Structure formats: structure tokens, C-alpha cells
Amino acid sequence: MNLKELLAKHNIIKQAELARKMFDGKPSANTRLANKLSGVNYQRIMPDDEKEAFKVLKELSDDIVEFGKSIKNEDSIK
């Protein structure tokens, strides 16, 4: 699965927010990512882009796991 497929499959992940975090909040971050995903002007997702996206999404994944743990802990209290 590549980044484009991941974003299409999980449309709950907002491309604009991912781009902002991937490209350090640059004003054109969303356009940059959109162009790379669609191949506009020969732009492509490069390995460094994938690494940045993974880093951002890994942080989200870790937070989701922690959230899940807190729900399990609350259930065991009741």
C-alpha cells in the first residue's frame, strides 16, 4: 500500500492536516501534497515524503493505542 492508497482507504485522515505536519506548516503544504499525489508537473511522492508521512501517522497511531488502553482500563473498573 502506498500513501495515496492509504489516504483513499482511510478518508478520515485529512490530507491538509497531514500535509501541514509533513511540510512543517508551510502555507503551500496542502497544494504540495495534492500535486505530489496526483503527479502534477511531474511531482511524485518520494521516499522522504513517505518517511515524513509515516512519522506523522505513527504519532497518531500511538495516540490511538493509548486511547484504546484508557478505554480498557475504564471498563475493568466498572
PDB file of N, CA and C in Angstrom:
ATOM      1  N   MET A   1       0.863  -1.176   0.000  1.00  0.00           N
ATOM      2  CA  MET A   1       0.000   0.000   0.000  1.00  0.00           C
ATOM      3  C   MET A   1       0.905   1.234   0.000  1.00  0.00           C
ATOM      4  N   ASN A   2       0.573   2.181  -0.852  1.00  0.00           N
ATOM      5  CA  ASN A   2       1.332   3.436  -0.861  1.00  0.00           C
ATOM      6  C   ASN A   2       0.516   4.532  -0.163  1.00  0.00           C
ATOM      7  N   LEU A   3       1.111   5.710  -0.060  1.00  0.00           N
ATOM      8  CA  LEU A   3       0.464   6.798   0.666  1.00  0.00           C
ATOM      9  C   LEU A   3      -0.865   7.192   0.029  1.00  0.00           C
ATOM     10  N   LYS A   4      -0.912   7.253  -1.279  1.00  0.00           N
ATOM     11  CA  LYS A   4      -2.147   7.632  -1.970  1.00  0.00           C
ATOM     12  C   LYS A   4      -3.266   6.625  -1.671  1.00  0.00           C
ATOM     13  N   GLU A   5      -2.940   5.357  -1.695  1.00  0.00           N
ATOM     14  CA  GLU A   5      -3.924   4.308  -1.399  1.00  0.00           C
ATOM     15  C   GLU A   5      -4.380   4.374   0.058  1.00  0.00           C
ATOM     16  N   LEU A   6      -3.444   4.637   0.953  1.00  0.00           N
ATOM     17  CA  LEU A   6      -3.781   4.743   2.377  1.00  0.00           C
ATOM     18  C   LEU A   6      -4.761   5.882   2.619  1.00  0.00           C
ATOM     19  N   LEU A   7      -4.492   7.038   2.021  1.00  0.00           N
ATOM     20  CA  LEU A   7      -5.373   8.192   2.201  1.00  0.00           C
ATOM     21  C   LEU A   7      -6.743   7.965   1.567  1.00  0.00           C
ATOM     22  N   ALA A   8      -6.781   7.245   0.449  1.00  0.00           N
ATOM     23  CA  ALA A   8      -8.058   6.941  -0.199  1.00  0.00           C
ATOM     24  C   ALA A   8      -8.868   5.953   0.644  1.00  0.00           C
ATOM     25  N   LYS A   9      -8.191   4.977   1.219  1.00  0.00           N
ATOM     26  CA  LYS A   9      -8.870   3.959   2.020  1.00  0.00           C
ATOM     27  C   LYS A   9      -9.379   4.530   3.344  1.00  0.00           C
ATOM     28  N   HIS A  10      -8.591   5.428   3.933  1.00  0.00           N
ATOM     29  CA  HIS A  10      -8.930   5.988   5.245  1.00  0.00           C
ATOM     30  C   HIS A  10      -9.156   7.488   5.099  1.00  0.00           C
ATOM     31  N   ASN A  11     -10.271   7.838   4.475  1.00  0.00           N
ATOM     32  CA  ASN A  11     -10.537   9.253   4.198  1.00  0.00           C
ATOM     33  C   ASN A  11     -10.819  10.068   5.462  1.00  0.00           C
ATOM     34  N   ILE A  12     -10.835   9.423   6.603  1.00  0.00           N
ATOM     35  CA  ILE A  12     -10.950  10.160   7.863  1.00  0.00           C
ATOM     36  C   ILE A  12      -9.659  10.948   8.136  1.00  0.00           C
ATOM     37  N   ILE A  13      -8.551  10.498   7.533  1.00  0.00           N
ATOM     38  CA  ILE A  13      -7.283  11.221   7.636  1.00  0.00           C
ATOM     39  C   ILE A  13      -7.355  12.402   6.679  1.00  0.00           C
ATOM     40  N   LYS A  14      -7.302  13.590   7.209  1.00  0.00           N
ATOM     41  CA  LYS A  14      -7.424  14.791   6.395  1.00  0.00           C
ATOM     42  C   LYS A  14      -6.089  15.135   5.762  1.00  0.00           C
ATOM     43  N   GLN A  15      -6.077  15.177   4.441  1.00  0.00           N
ATOM     44  CA  GLN A  15      -4.870  15.427   3.683  1.00  0.00           C
ATOM     45  C   GLN A  15      -4.223  16.760   4.058  1.00  0.00           C
ATOM     46  N   ALA A  16      -5.027  17.788   4.280  1.00  0.00           N
ATOM     47  CA  ALA A  16      -4.490  19.112   4.598  1.00  0.00           C
ATOM     48  C   ALA A  16      -3.711  19.090   5.913  1.00  0.00           C
ATOM     49  N   GLU A  17      -4.240  18.406   6.918  1.00  0.00           N
ATOM     50  CA  GLU A  17      -3.548  18.339   8.212  1.00  0.00           C
ATOM     51  C   GLU A  17      -2.283  17.494   8.123  1.00  0.00           C
ATOM     52  N   LEU A  18      -2.369  16.399   7.397  1.00  0.00           N
ATOM     53  CA  LEU A  18      -1.189  15.564   7.193  1.00  0.00           C
ATOM     54  C   LEU A  18      -0.105  16.372   6.492  1.00  0.00           C
ATOM     55  N   ALA A  19      -0.475  17.097   5.444  1.00  0.00           N
ATOM     56  CA  ALA A  19       0.485  17.905   4.692  1.00  0.00           C
ATOM     57  C   ALA A  19       1.112  18.970   5.575  1.00  0.00           C
ATOM     58  N   ARG A  20       0.292  19.621   6.389  1.00  0.00           N
ATOM     59  CA  ARG A  20       0.801  20.680   7.268  1.00  0.00           C
ATOM     60  C   ARG A  20       1.875  20.136   8.200  1.00  0.00           C
ATOM     61  N   LYS A  21       1.644  18.943   8.736  1.00  0.00           N
ATOM     62  CA  LYS A  21       2.626  18.347   9.635  1.00  0.00           C
ATOM     63  C   LYS A  21       3.827  17.786   8.876  1.00  0.00           C
ATOM     64  N   MET A  22       3.597  17.251   7.695  1.00  0.00           N
ATOM     65  CA  MET A  22       4.698  16.712   6.903  1.00  0.00           C
ATOM     66  C   MET A  22       5.660  17.803   6.446  1.00  0.00           C
ATOM     67  N   PHE A  23       5.088  18.946   6.051  1.00  0.00           N
ATOM     68  CA  PHE A  23       5.894  20.015   5.466  1.00  0.00           C
ATOM     69  C   PHE A  23       6.038  21.199   6.411  1.00  0.00           C
ATOM     70  N   ASP A  24       6.047  20.931   7.693  1.00  0.00           N
ATOM     71  CA  ASP A  24       6.320  21.930   8.734  1.00  0.00           C
ATOM     72  C   ASP A  24       5.470  23.187   8.651  1.00  0.00           C
ATOM     73  N   GLY A  25       4.203  23.041   8.356  1.00  0.00           N
ATOM     74  CA  GLY A  25       3.291  24.174   8.387  1.00  0.00           C
ATOM     75  C   GLY A  25       3.482  25.199   7.286  1.00  0.00           C
ATOM     76  N   LYS A  26       4.191  24.846   6.221  1.00  0.00           N
ATOM     77  CA  LYS A  26       4.363  25.789   5.109  1.00  0.00           C
ATOM     78  C   LYS A  26       3.003  26.114   4.498  1.00  0.00           C
ATOM     79  N   PRO A  27       2.783  27.370   4.088  1.00  0.00           N
ATOM     80  CA  PRO A  27       1.466  27.766   3.560  1.00  0.00           C
ATOM     81  C   PRO A  27       0.992  26.923   2.376  1.00  0.00           C
ATOM     82  N   SER A  28       1.901  26.459   1.560  1.00  0.00           N
ATOM     83  CA  SER A  28       1.513  25.695   0.374  1.00  0.00           C
ATOM     84  C   SER A  28       1.577  24.187   0.602  1.00  0.00           C
ATOM     85  N   ALA A  29       1.607  23.754   1.848  1.00  0.00           N
ATOM     86  CA  ALA A  29       1.788  22.337   2.155  1.00  0.00           C
ATOM     87  C   ALA A  29       0.699  21.457   1.542  1.00  0.00           C
ATOM     88  N   ASN A  30      -0.569  21.872   1.651  1.00  0.00           N
ATOM     89  CA  ASN A  30      -1.657  21.059   1.118  1.00  0.00           C
ATOM     90  C   ASN A  30      -1.555  20.937  -0.398  1.00  0.00           C
ATOM     91  N   THR A  31      -1.266  22.039  -1.059  1.00  0.00           N
ATOM     92  CA  THR A  31      -1.119  22.016  -2.517  1.00  0.00           C
ATOM     93  C   THR A  31       0.058  21.149  -2.921  1.00  0.00           C
ATOM     94  N   ARG A  32       1.137  21.257  -2.176  1.00  0.00           N
ATOM     95  CA  ARG A  32       2.328  20.454  -2.471  1.00  0.00           C
ATOM     96  C   ARG A  32       1.995  18.971  -2.403  1.00  0.00           C
ATOM     97  N   LEU A  33       1.334  18.552  -1.319  1.00  0.00           N
ATOM     98  CA  LEU A  33       0.999  17.137  -1.185  1.00  0.00           C
ATOM     99  C   LEU A  33      -0.008  16.713  -2.246  1.00  0.00           C
ATOM    100  N   ALA A  34      -1.015  17.533  -2.494  1.00  0.00           N
ATOM    101  CA  ALA A  34      -2.016  17.200  -3.520  1.00  0.00           C
ATOM    102  C   ALA A  34      -1.355  17.023  -4.886  1.00  0.00           C
ATOM    103  N   ASN A  35      -0.435  17.920  -5.224  1.00  0.00           N
ATOM    104  CA  ASN A  35       0.272  17.821  -6.505  1.00  0.00           C
ATOM    105  C   ASN A  35       1.114  16.555  -6.579  1.00  0.00           C
ATOM    106  N   LYS A  36       1.775  16.223  -5.489  1.00  0.00           N
ATOM    107  CA  LYS A  36       2.602  15.012  -5.478  1.00  0.00           C
ATOM    108  C   LYS A  36       1.739  13.757  -5.601  1.00  0.00           C
ATOM    109  N   LEU A  37       0.597  13.752  -4.932  1.00  0.00           N
ATOM    110  CA  LEU A  37      -0.281  12.582  -5.009  1.00  0.00           C
ATOM    111  C   LEU A  37      -0.877  12.406  -6.397  1.00  0.00           C
ATOM    112  N   SER A  38      -1.142  13.517  -7.077  1.00  0.00           N
ATOM    113  CA  SER A  38      -1.760  13.424  -8.398  1.00  0.00           C
ATOM    114  C   SER A  38      -0.749  13.453  -9.541  1.00  0.00           C
ATOM    115  N   GLY A  39       0.510  13.712  -9.226  1.00  0.00           N
ATOM    116  CA  GLY A  39       1.544  13.719 -10.257  1.00  0.00           C
ATOM    117  C   GLY A  39       1.569  14.972 -11.108  1.00  0.00           C
ATOM    118  N   VAL A  40       1.027  16.074 -10.620  1.00  0.00           N
ATOM    119  CA  VAL A  40       1.010  17.338 -11.363  1.00  0.00           C
ATOM    120  C   VAL A  40       2.434  17.850 -11.530  1.00  0.00           C
ATOM    121  N   ASN A  41       2.737  18.341 -12.728  1.00  0.00           N
ATOM    122  CA  ASN A  41       4.057  18.908 -13.033  1.00  0.00           C
ATOM    123  C   ASN A  41       5.197  17.952 -12.681  1.00  0.00           C
ATOM    124  N   TYR A  42       4.958  16.684 -12.936  1.00  0.00           N
ATOM    125  CA  TYR A  42       5.954  15.629 -12.706  1.00  0.00           C
ATOM    126  C   TYR A  42       6.358  15.480 -11.242  1.00  0.00           C
ATOM    127  N   GLN A  43       5.573  16.014 -10.340  1.00  0.00           N
ATOM    128  CA  GLN A  43       5.853  15.838  -8.921  1.00  0.00           C
ATOM    129  C   GLN A  43       5.401  14.445  -8.500  1.00  0.00           C
ATOM    130  N   ARG A  44       6.164  13.831  -7.665  1.00  0.00           N
ATOM    131  CA  ARG A  44       5.856  12.485  -7.183  1.00  0.00           C
ATOM    132  C   ARG A  44       6.132  12.405  -5.686  1.00  0.00           C
ATOM    133  N   ILE A  45       5.465  11.471  -5.041  1.00  0.00           N
ATOM    134  CA  ILE A  45       5.782  11.154  -3.652  1.00  0.00           C
ATOM    135  C   ILE A  45       7.131  10.440  -3.649  1.00  0.00           C
ATOM    136  N   MET A  46       8.062  11.001  -2.927  1.00  0.00           N
ATOM    137  CA  MET A  46       9.412  10.453  -2.844  1.00  0.00           C
ATOM    138  C   MET A  46       9.574   9.701  -1.521  1.00  0.00           C
ATOM    139  N   PRO A  47      10.612   8.883  -1.422  1.00  0.00           N
ATOM    140  CA  PRO A  47      10.827   8.141  -0.172  1.00  0.00           C
ATOM    141  C   PRO A  47      10.881   9.044   1.067  1.00  0.00           C
ATOM    142  N   ASP A  48      11.467  10.222   0.951  1.00  0.00           N
ATOM    143  CA  ASP A  48      11.499  11.138   2.105  1.00  0.00           C
ATOM    144  C   ASP A  48      10.094  11.593   2.489  1.00  0.00           C
ATOM    145  N   ASP A  49       9.225  11.791   1.499  1.00  0.00           N
ATOM    146  CA  ASP A  49       7.830  12.165   1.777  1.00  0.00           C
ATOM    147  C   ASP A  49       7.125  11.038   2.526  1.00  0.00           C
ATOM    148  N   GLU A  50       7.360   9.807   2.078  1.00  0.00           N
ATOM    149  CA  GLU A  50       6.744   8.659   2.735  1.00  0.00           C
ATOM    150  C   GLU A  50       7.234   8.527   4.171  1.00  0.00           C
ATOM    151  N   LYS A  51       8.511   8.784   4.399  1.00  0.00           N
ATOM    152  CA  LYS A  51       9.052   8.717   5.761  1.00  0.00           C
ATOM    153  C   LYS A  51       8.418   9.772   6.654  1.00  0.00           C
ATOM    154  N   GLU A  52       8.238  10.988   6.131  1.00  0.00           N
ATOM    155  CA  GLU A  52       7.595  12.049   6.906  1.00  0.00           C
ATOM    156  C   GLU A  52       6.139  11.699   7.208  1.00  0.00           C
ATOM    157  N   ALA A  53       5.440  11.185   6.207  1.00  0.00           N
ATOM    158  CA  ALA A  53       4.039  10.792   6.415  1.00  0.00           C
ATOM    159  C   ALA A  53       3.954   9.691   7.456  1.00  0.00           C
ATOM    160  N   PHE A  54       4.859   8.731   7.379  1.00  0.00           N
ATOM    161  CA  PHE A  54       4.856   7.636   8.355  1.00  0.00           C
ATOM    162  C   PHE A  54       5.092   8.176   9.758  1.00  0.00           C
ATOM    163  N   LYS A  55       6.020   9.103   9.893  1.00  0.00           N
ATOM    164  CA  LYS A  55       6.325   9.674  11.203  1.00  0.00           C
ATOM    165  C   LYS A  55       5.084  10.342  11.804  1.00  0.00           C
ATOM    166  N   VAL A  56       4.383  11.111  10.982  1.00  0.00           N
ATOM    167  CA  VAL A  56       3.169  11.798  11.445  1.00  0.00           C
ATOM    168  C   VAL A  56       2.076  10.783  11.791  1.00  0.00           C
ATOM    169  N   LEU A  57       1.872   9.819  10.918  1.00  0.00           N
ATOM    170  CA  LEU A  57       0.819   8.827  11.139  1.00  0.00           C
ATOM    171  C   LEU A  57       1.151   7.874  12.285  1.00  0.00           C
ATOM    172  N   LYS A  58       2.431   7.616  12.515  1.00  0.00           N
ATOM    173  CA  LYS A  58       2.852   6.778  13.637  1.00  0.00           C
ATOM    174  C   LYS A  58       2.500   7.455  14.957  1.00  0.00           C
ATOM    175  N   GLU A  59       2.704   8.764  15.015  1.00  0.00           N
ATOM    176  CA  GLU A  59       2.330   9.505  16.223  1.00  0.00           C
ATOM    177  C   GLU A  59       0.827   9.376  16.483  1.00  0.00           C
ATOM    178  N   LEU A  60       0.030   9.502  15.420  1.00  0.00           N
ATOM    179  CA  LEU A  60      -1.419   9.326  15.543  1.00  0.00           C
ATOM    180  C   LEU A  60      -1.747   7.907  16.002  1.00  0.00           C
ATOM    181  N   SER A  61      -1.097   6.932  15.404  1.00  0.00           N
ATOM    182  CA  SER A  61      -1.329   5.537  15.760  1.00  0.00           C
ATOM    183  C   SER A  61      -1.012   5.282  17.230  1.00  0.00           C
ATOM    184  N   ASP A  62       0.087   5.815  17.706  1.00  0.00           N
ATOM    185  CA  ASP A  62       0.464   5.647  19.111  1.00  0.00           C
ATOM    186  C   ASP A  62      -0.595   6.257  20.031  1.00  0.00           C
ATOM    187  N   ASP A  63      -1.101   7.429  19.651  1.00  0.00           N
ATOM    188  CA  ASP A  63      -2.144   8.069  20.458  1.00  0.00           C
ATOM    189  C   ASP A  63      -3.429   7.248  20.462  1.00  0.00           C
ATOM    190  N   ILE A  64      -3.763   6.645  19.336  1.00  0.00           N
ATOM    191  CA  ILE A  64      -4.960   5.803  19.255  1.00  0.00           C
ATOM    192  C   ILE A  64      -4.805   4.581  20.157  1.00  0.00           C
ATOM    193  N   VAL A  65      -3.630   3.987  20.156  1.00  0.00           N
ATOM    194  CA  VAL A  65      -3.378   2.833  21.028  1.00  0.00           C
ATOM    195  C   VAL A  65      -3.525   3.236  22.490  1.00  0.00           C
ATOM    196  N   GLU A  66      -2.970   4.383  22.868  1.00  0.00           N
ATOM    197  CA  GLU A  66      -3.094   4.866  24.248  1.00  0.00           C
ATOM    198  C   GLU A  66      -4.558   5.117  24.609  1.00  0.00           C
ATOM    199  N   PHE A  67      -5.298   5.698  23.681  1.00  0.00           N
ATOM    200  CA  PHE A  67      -6.729   5.920  23.886  1.00  0.00           C
ATOM    201  C   PHE A  67      -7.440   4.591  24.131  1.00  0.00           C
ATOM    202  N   GLY A  68      -7.125   3.591  23.327  1.00  0.00           N
ATOM    203  CA  GLY A  68      -7.726   2.267  23.486  1.00  0.00           C
ATOM    204  C   GLY A  68      -7.418   1.664  24.840  1.00  0.00           C
ATOM    205  N   LYS A  69      -6.195   1.850  25.304  1.00  0.00           N
ATOM    206  CA  LYS A  69      -5.813   1.337  26.625  1.00  0.00           C
ATOM    207  C   LYS A  69      -6.636   2.010  27.719  1.00  0.00           C
ATOM    208  N   SER A  70      -6.883   3.297  27.580  1.00  0.00           N
ATOM    209  CA  SER A  70      -7.645   4.003  28.601  1.00  0.00           C
ATOM    210  C   SER A  70      -9.089   3.522  28.640  1.00  0.00           C
ATOM    211  N   ILE A  71      -9.626   3.165  27.503  1.00  0.00           N
ATOM    212  CA  ILE A  71     -10.999   2.640  27.450  1.00  0.00           C
ATOM    213  C   ILE A  71     -11.032   1.270  28.140  1.00  0.00           C
ATOM    214  N   LYS A  72     -10.057   0.421  27.879  1.00  0.00           N
ATOM    215  CA  LYS A  72      -9.999  -0.890  28.524  1.00  0.00           C
ATOM    216  C   LYS A  72      -9.892  -0.745  30.031  1.00  0.00           C
ATOM    217  N   ASN A  73      -9.090   0.212  30.476  1.00  0.00           N
ATOM    218  CA  ASN A  73      -8.933   0.422  31.917  1.00  0.00           C
ATOM    219  C   ASN A  73     -10.242   0.884  32.551  1.00  0.00           C
ATOM    220  N   GLU A  74     -10.983   1.737  31.872  1.00  0.00           N
ATOM    221  CA  GLU A  74     -12.256   2.197  32.399  1.00  0.00           C
ATOM    222  C   GLU A  74     -13.262   1.058  32.485  1.00  0.00           C
ATOM    223  N   ASP A  75     -13.265   0.170  31.491  1.00  0.00           N
ATOM    224  CA  ASP A  75     -14.179  -0.976  31.508  1.00  0.00           C
ATOM    225  C   ASP A  75     -13.884  -1.911  32.659  1.00  0.00           C
ATOM    226  N   SER A  76     -12.623  -2.085  32.990  1.00  0.00           N
ATOM    227  CA  SER A  76     -12.274  -3.005  34.074  1.00  0.00           C
ATOM    228  C   SER A  76     -12.632  -2.442  35.444  1.00  0.00           C
ATOM    229  N   ILE A  77     -12.791  -1.126  35.550  1.00  0.00           N
ATOM    230  CA  ILE A  77     -13.151  -0.502  36.810  1.00  0.00           C
ATOM    231  C   ILE A  77     -14.627  -0.746  37.122  1.00  0.00           C
ATOM    232  N   LYS A  78     -15.483  -0.764  36.115  1.00  0.00           N
ATOM    233  CA  LYS A  78     -16.934  -0.882  36.329  1.00  0.00           C
ATOM    234  C   LYS A  78     -17.330  -2.276  36.772  1.00  0.00           C
TER     235      LYS A  78
END
